[in-house]
Amino acid sequence: MTLKELIQHNAWLSVKLIFVDLYPDQEKSIEGYEIVYSELQIMQPAYSKMLIQLKEVSDEFDNEHYVDVSGVQPDEAPSTPEINNSYALEFTPWAKWLGMQIDDAAFKKFTEPEILSYILYEMTFAGFDETAIQKQKEELDKQIEAIENMTEEEKKKEFISWEEVKKKFFDDKKSSE
């Protein structure tokens, strides 16, 4: 089932009740979510071979439990048996989201309103206006391009390595405990 088909099968009111239960801190922004949901109901989907996957995750770093919404390419082999190649979808145009199939496993773990709630939250992570989200993506792309065009010397001058970050923040934290 595509996201568009799932949206057509579920009224906003049933999704809203579950959404507010899953994300109580977002109740203040519920009108924004409703507007997006209404836009998605009338928007035409664009074909995408990407599959939307929902997975329950336990983050060992901060002991947080959440549902991760990501994209997977059905014909792409995992990089290792333990690691599935997944893609962030936050900046994906909404018409492409609508054309994506939802992984069958999601329907075994979650109700349709839950699936829609998790997906809607992910789709709007960067805002409620698709045009503004695409502008953010363009800005990020420019920053990435600028970094990729830097020499190694410029990168060493401008950035610190992950090893240095861990040493500075995590070793300092351990020593202060």
C-alpha atoms as a PDB file:
ATOM      1  CA  MET A   1       0.000   0.000   0.000  1.00  0.00           C
ATOM      2  CA  THR A   2       1.299   3.459  -0.860  1.00  0.00           C
ATOM      3  CA  LEU A   3       1.244   6.346   1.565  1.00  0.00           C
ATOM      4  CA  LYS A   4      -1.362   8.063  -0.625  1.00  0.00           C
ATOM      5  CA  GLU A   5      -3.660   5.016  -0.403  1.00  0.00           C
ATOM      6  CA  LEU A   6      -3.207   4.852   3.357  1.00  0.00           C
ATOM      7  CA  ILE A   7      -4.100   8.525   3.718  1.00  0.00           C
ATOM      8  CA  GLN A   8      -7.223   7.997   1.611  1.00  0.00           C
ATOM      9  CA  HIS A   9      -8.302   5.170   3.960  1.00  0.00           C
ATOM     10  CA  ASN A  10      -7.943   7.197   7.162  1.00  0.00           C
ATOM     11  CA  ALA A  11      -9.801  10.313   8.255  1.00  0.00           C
ATOM     12  CA  TRP A  12      -7.786  13.071   9.909  1.00  0.00           C
ATOM     13  CA  LEU A  13      -9.755  12.819  13.149  1.00  0.00           C
ATOM     14  CA  SER A  14      -8.666   9.209  13.765  1.00  0.00           C
ATOM     15  CA  VAL A  15      -5.056  10.089  12.957  1.00  0.00           C
ATOM     16  CA  LYS A  16      -5.181  13.225  15.131  1.00  0.00           C
ATOM     17  CA  LEU A  17      -6.243  11.279  18.225  1.00  0.00           C
ATOM     18  CA  ILE A  18      -3.344   8.842  17.882  1.00  0.00           C
ATOM     19  CA  PHE A  19      -0.880  11.564  16.858  1.00  0.00           C
ATOM     20  CA  VAL A  20      -1.542  13.613  19.993  1.00  0.00           C
ATOM     21  CA  ASP A  21      -1.222  10.456  22.096  1.00  0.00           C
ATOM     22  CA  LEU A  22       2.144   9.582  20.494  1.00  0.00           C
ATOM     23  CA  TYR A  23       3.464  13.159  20.430  1.00  0.00           C
ATOM     24  CA  PRO A  24       1.779  15.065  23.277  1.00  0.00           C
ATOM     25  CA  ASP A  25       4.349  17.863  23.027  1.00  0.00           C
ATOM     26  CA  GLN A  26       3.116  18.554  19.469  1.00  0.00           C
ATOM     27  CA  GLU A  27      -0.493  19.290  20.452  1.00  0.00           C
ATOM     28  CA  LYS A  28       0.259  23.017  20.254  1.00  0.00           C
ATOM     29  CA  SER A  29       1.087  22.550  16.544  1.00  0.00           C
ATOM     30  CA  ILE A  30      -1.773  20.195  15.657  1.00  0.00           C
ATOM     31  CA  GLU A  31      -3.327  22.718  13.244  1.00  0.00           C
ATOM     32  CA  GLY A  32      -0.134  22.657  11.180  1.00  0.00           C
ATOM     33  CA  TYR A  33      -0.270  18.875  10.986  1.00  0.00           C
ATOM     34  CA  GLU A  34      -3.923  19.021   9.958  1.00  0.00           C
ATOM     35  CA  ILE A  35      -3.135  21.459   7.145  1.00  0.00           C
ATOM     36  CA  VAL A  36      -0.348  19.191   5.873  1.00  0.00           C
ATOM     37  CA  TYR A  37      -2.632  16.146   6.064  1.00  0.00           C
ATOM     38  CA  SER A  38      -5.271  18.015   4.036  1.00  0.00           C
ATOM     39  CA  GLU A  39      -2.663  18.961   1.430  1.00  0.00           C
ATOM     40  CA  LEU A  40      -1.533  15.347   1.179  1.00  0.00           C
ATOM     41  CA  GLN A  41      -5.114  14.197   0.625  1.00  0.00           C
ATOM     42  CA  ILE A  42      -5.411  16.240  -2.585  1.00  0.00           C
ATOM     43  CA  MET A  43      -1.796  16.066  -3.793  1.00  0.00           C
ATOM     44  CA  GLN A  44      -0.949  13.743  -6.674  1.00  0.00           C
ATOM     45  CA  PRO A  45       1.689  11.125  -5.829  1.00  0.00           C
ATOM     46  CA  ALA A  46       4.933  10.820  -7.792  1.00  0.00           C
ATOM     47  CA  TYR A  47       6.408   7.410  -8.441  1.00  0.00           C
ATOM     48  CA  SER A  48       9.204   6.315  -6.133  1.00  0.00           C
ATOM     49  CA  LYS A  49      10.779   2.906  -5.818  1.00  0.00           C
ATOM     50  CA  MET A  50      11.817   3.786  -2.255  1.00  0.00           C
ATOM     51  CA  LEU A  51      10.001   1.838   0.451  1.00  0.00           C
ATOM     52  CA  ILE A  52       8.976   3.499   3.734  1.00  0.00           C
ATOM     53  CA  GLN A  53      10.161   1.442   6.695  1.00  0.00           C
ATOM     54  CA  LEU A  54       9.172   1.899  10.348  1.00  0.00           C
ATOM     55  CA  LYS A  55      11.355   0.350  13.039  1.00  0.00           C
ATOM     56  CA  GLU A  56      11.274   0.478  16.801  1.00  0.00           C
ATOM     57  CA  VAL A  57      14.650   1.705  18.019  1.00  0.00           C
ATOM     58  CA  SER A  58      16.335   1.853  21.411  1.00  0.00           C
ATOM     59  CA  ASP A  59      18.984   4.537  21.387  1.00  0.00           C
ATOM     60  CA  GLU A  60      21.800   3.335  23.646  1.00  0.00           C
ATOM     61  CA  PHE A  61      23.251   6.849  23.873  1.00  0.00           C
ATOM     62  CA  ASP A  62      20.355   8.380  25.805  1.00  0.00           C
ATOM     63  CA  ASN A  63      18.161   5.317  26.509  1.00  0.00           C
ATOM     64  CA  GLU A  64      15.390   6.750  24.336  1.00  0.00           C
ATOM     65  CA  HIS A  65      12.868   4.492  22.582  1.00  0.00           C
ATOM     66  CA  TYR A  66      11.256   5.718  19.379  1.00  0.00           C
ATOM     67  CA  VAL A  67      10.017   4.654  15.968  1.00  0.00           C
ATOM     68  CA  ASP A  68      12.437   5.412  13.158  1.00  0.00           C
ATOM     69  CA  VAL A  69      10.896   6.220   9.777  1.00  0.00           C
ATOM     70  CA  SER A  70      13.319   5.814   6.896  1.00  0.00           C
ATOM     71  CA  GLY A  71      13.519   4.816   3.277  1.00  0.00           C
ATOM     72  CA  VAL A  72      14.971   1.615   1.892  1.00  0.00           C
ATOM     73  CA  GLN A  73      15.634   0.566  -1.668  1.00  0.00           C
ATOM     74  CA  PRO A  74      14.001  -2.865  -2.087  1.00  0.00           C
ATOM     75  CA  ASP A  75      16.602  -3.989  -4.622  1.00  0.00           C
ATOM     76  CA  GLU A  76      19.618  -2.815  -2.611  1.00  0.00           C
ATOM     77  CA  ALA A  77      21.498  -5.398  -0.572  1.00  0.00           C
ATOM     78  CA  PRO A  78      22.254  -4.455   3.062  1.00  0.00           C
ATOM     79  CA  SER A  79      25.819  -3.295   3.653  1.00  0.00           C
ATOM     80  CA  THR A  80      26.193  -5.981   6.347  1.00  0.00           C
ATOM     81  CA  PRO A  81      23.777  -8.534   7.806  1.00  0.00           C
ATOM     82  CA  GLU A  82      23.331  -6.303  10.887  1.00  0.00           C
ATOM     83  CA  ILE A  83      23.034  -2.993   9.039  1.00  0.00           C
ATOM     84  CA  ASN A  84      20.287  -2.229   6.578  1.00  0.00           C
ATOM     85  CA  ASN A  85      20.937   0.589   4.116  1.00  0.00           C
ATOM     86  CA  SER A  86      18.359   3.165   5.097  1.00  0.00           C
ATOM     87  CA  TYR A  87      17.873   6.710   3.926  1.00  0.00           C
ATOM     88  CA  ALA A  88      16.637   9.824   5.682  1.00  0.00           C
ATOM     89  CA  LEU A  89      13.441  11.085   4.074  1.00  0.00           C
ATOM     90  CA  GLU A  90      12.867  14.416   5.861  1.00  0.00           C
ATOM     91  CA  PHE A  91      13.745  16.502   2.811  1.00  0.00           C
ATOM     92  CA  THR A  92      12.019  14.295   0.252  1.00  0.00           C
ATOM     93  CA  PRO A  93       9.282  16.062  -1.750  1.00  0.00           C
ATOM     94  CA  TRP A  94       5.879  15.155  -0.386  1.00  0.00           C
ATOM     95  CA  ALA A  95       4.604  13.885  -3.753  1.00  0.00           C
ATOM     96  CA  LYS A  96       7.404  11.273  -3.683  1.00  0.00           C
ATOM     97  CA  TRP A  97       6.470  10.287  -0.141  1.00  0.00           C
ATOM     98  CA  LEU A  98       2.913   9.733  -1.361  1.00  0.00           C
ATOM     99  CA  GLY A  99       4.112   7.416  -4.141  1.00  0.00           C
ATOM    100  CA  MET A 100       6.191   5.232  -1.817  1.00  0.00           C
ATOM    101  CA  GLN A 101       5.010   1.817  -0.714  1.00  0.00           C
ATOM    102  CA  ILE A 102       4.923   1.209   3.028  1.00  0.00           C
ATOM    103  CA  ASP A 103       6.809  -1.862   4.197  1.00  0.00           C
ATOM    104  CA  ASP A 104       4.361  -4.684   5.005  1.00  0.00           C
ATOM    105  CA  ALA A 105       6.118  -5.281   8.335  1.00  0.00           C
ATOM    106  CA  ALA A 106       4.844  -1.905   9.572  1.00  0.00           C
ATOM    107  CA  PHE A 107       1.239  -3.105   9.363  1.00  0.00           C
ATOM    108  CA  LYS A 108       2.086  -6.068  11.593  1.00  0.00           C
ATOM    109  CA  LYS A 109       3.493  -3.842  14.359  1.00  0.00           C
ATOM    110  CA  PHE A 110       1.395  -0.672  14.159  1.00  0.00           C
ATOM    111  CA  THR A 111      -2.159   0.428  13.411  1.00  0.00           C
ATOM    112  CA  GLU A 112      -2.809   2.524  10.307  1.00  0.00           C
ATOM    113  CA  PRO A 113      -3.289   5.760  12.329  1.00  0.00           C
ATOM    114  CA  GLU A 114      -0.016   5.052  14.166  1.00  0.00           C
ATOM    115  CA  ILE A 115       1.828   4.517  10.877  1.00  0.00           C
ATOM    116  CA  LEU A 116       0.398   7.760   9.525  1.00  0.00           C
ATOM    117  CA  SER A 117       1.314   9.608  12.721  1.00  0.00           C
ATOM    118  CA  TYR A 118       4.929   8.450  12.639  1.00  0.00           C
ATOM    119  CA  ILE A 119       5.233   9.281   8.951  1.00  0.00           C
ATOM    120  CA  LEU A 120       3.544  12.681   9.295  1.00  0.00           C
ATOM    121  CA  TYR A 121       5.893  13.599  12.136  1.00  0.00           C
ATOM    122  CA  GLU A 122       8.923  12.634  10.011  1.00  0.00           C
ATOM    123  CA  MET A 123       7.627  14.460   6.926  1.00  0.00           C
ATOM    124  CA  THR A 124       7.209  17.687   8.886  1.00  0.00           C
ATOM    125  CA  PHE A 125      10.405  17.406  10.925  1.00  0.00           C
ATOM    126  CA  ALA A 126      11.828  20.430   9.102  1.00  0.00           C
ATOM    127  CA  GLY A 127       8.528  22.368   9.006  1.00  0.00           C
ATOM    128  CA  PHE A 128       4.966  22.503   7.747  1.00  0.00           C
ATOM    129  CA  ASP A 129       5.687  24.278   4.455  1.00  0.00           C
ATOM    130  CA  GLU A 130       7.092  22.074   1.695  1.00  0.00           C
ATOM    131  CA  THR A 131       8.630  25.006  -0.176  1.00  0.00           C
ATOM    132  CA  ALA A 132      10.502  26.137   2.952  1.00  0.00           C
ATOM    133  CA  ILE A 133      11.668  22.557   3.563  1.00  0.00           C
ATOM    134  CA  GLN A 134      13.047  22.344   0.017  1.00  0.00           C
ATOM    135  CA  LYS A 135      14.879  25.668   0.536  1.00  0.00           C
ATOM    136  CA  GLN A 136      16.464  24.223   3.693  1.00  0.00           C
ATOM    137  CA  LYS A 137      17.555  21.195   1.660  1.00  0.00           C
ATOM    138  CA  GLU A 138      19.078  23.411  -1.029  1.00  0.00           C
ATOM    139  CA  GLU A 139      21.010  25.336   1.641  1.00  0.00           C
ATOM    140  CA  LEU A 140      22.286  22.088   3.168  1.00  0.00           C
ATOM    141  CA  ASP A 141      23.302  20.855  -0.291  1.00  0.00           C
ATOM    142  CA  LYS A 142      25.294  24.076  -0.830  1.00  0.00           C
ATOM    143  CA  GLN A 143      27.052  23.629   2.513  1.00  0.00           C
ATOM    144  CA  ILE A 144      27.892  20.015   1.692  1.00  0.00           C
ATOM    145  CA  GLU A 145      29.250  21.031  -1.700  1.00  0.00           C
ATOM    146  CA  ALA A 146      31.394  23.739  -0.090  1.00  0.00           C
ATOM    147  CA  ILE A 147      32.832  21.221   2.367  1.00  0.00           C
ATOM    148  CA  GLU A 148      33.476  18.670  -0.381  1.00  0.00           C
ATOM    149  CA  ASN A 149      35.367  21.333  -2.360  1.00  0.00           C
ATOM    150  CA  MET A 150      37.662  22.173   0.576  1.00  0.00           C
ATOM    151  CA  THR A 151      41.221  20.993   0.577  1.00  0.00           C
ATOM    152  CA  GLU A 152      42.315  18.613   3.326  1.00  0.00           C
ATOM    153  CA  GLU A 153      44.260  21.478   4.893  1.00  0.00           C
ATOM    154  CA  GLU A 154      41.125  23.680   4.984  1.00  0.00           C
ATOM    155  CA  LYS A 155      39.100  20.842   6.497  1.00  0.00           C
ATOM    156  CA  LYS A 156      41.680  20.311   9.257  1.00  0.00           C
ATOM    157  CA  LYS A 157      41.633  24.041  10.000  1.00  0.00           C
ATOM    158  CA  GLU A 158      37.820  24.369  10.050  1.00  0.00           C
ATOM    159  CA  PHE A 159      36.689  21.104  11.647  1.00  0.00           C
ATOM    160  CA  ILE A 160      37.589  18.744  14.437  1.00  0.00           C
ATOM    161  CA  SER A 161      37.473  14.976  14.102  1.00  0.00           C
ATOM    162  CA  TRP A 162      34.870  12.745  15.736  1.00  0.00           C
ATOM    163  CA  GLU A 163      37.656  11.320  17.896  1.00  0.00           C
ATOM    164  CA  GLU A 164      38.430  14.824  19.179  1.00  0.00           C
ATOM    165  CA  VAL A 165      34.732  15.492  19.873  1.00  0.00           C
ATOM    166  CA  LYS A 166      34.405  12.272  21.871  1.00  0.00           C
ATOM    167  CA  LYS A 167      37.553  13.024  23.800  1.00  0.00           C
ATOM    168  CA  LYS A 168      36.511  16.596  24.563  1.00  0.00           C
ATOM    169  CA  PHE A 169      32.876  15.993  25.511  1.00  0.00           C
ATOM    170  CA  PHE A 170      32.617  12.414  26.659  1.00  0.00           C
ATOM    171  CA  ASP A 171      35.928  12.041  28.450  1.00  0.00           C
ATOM    172  CA  ASP A 172      35.314  15.374  30.225  1.00  0.00           C
ATOM    173  CA  LYS A 173      31.861  14.139  31.267  1.00  0.00           C
ATOM    174  CA  LYS A 174      33.288  10.910  32.705  1.00  0.00           C
ATOM    175  CA  SER A 175      35.980  12.748  34.627  1.00  0.00           C
ATOM    176  CA  SER A 176      33.416  15.113  36.181  1.00  0.00           C
ATOM    177  CA  GLU A 177      31.238  12.265  37.469  1.00  0.00           C
END
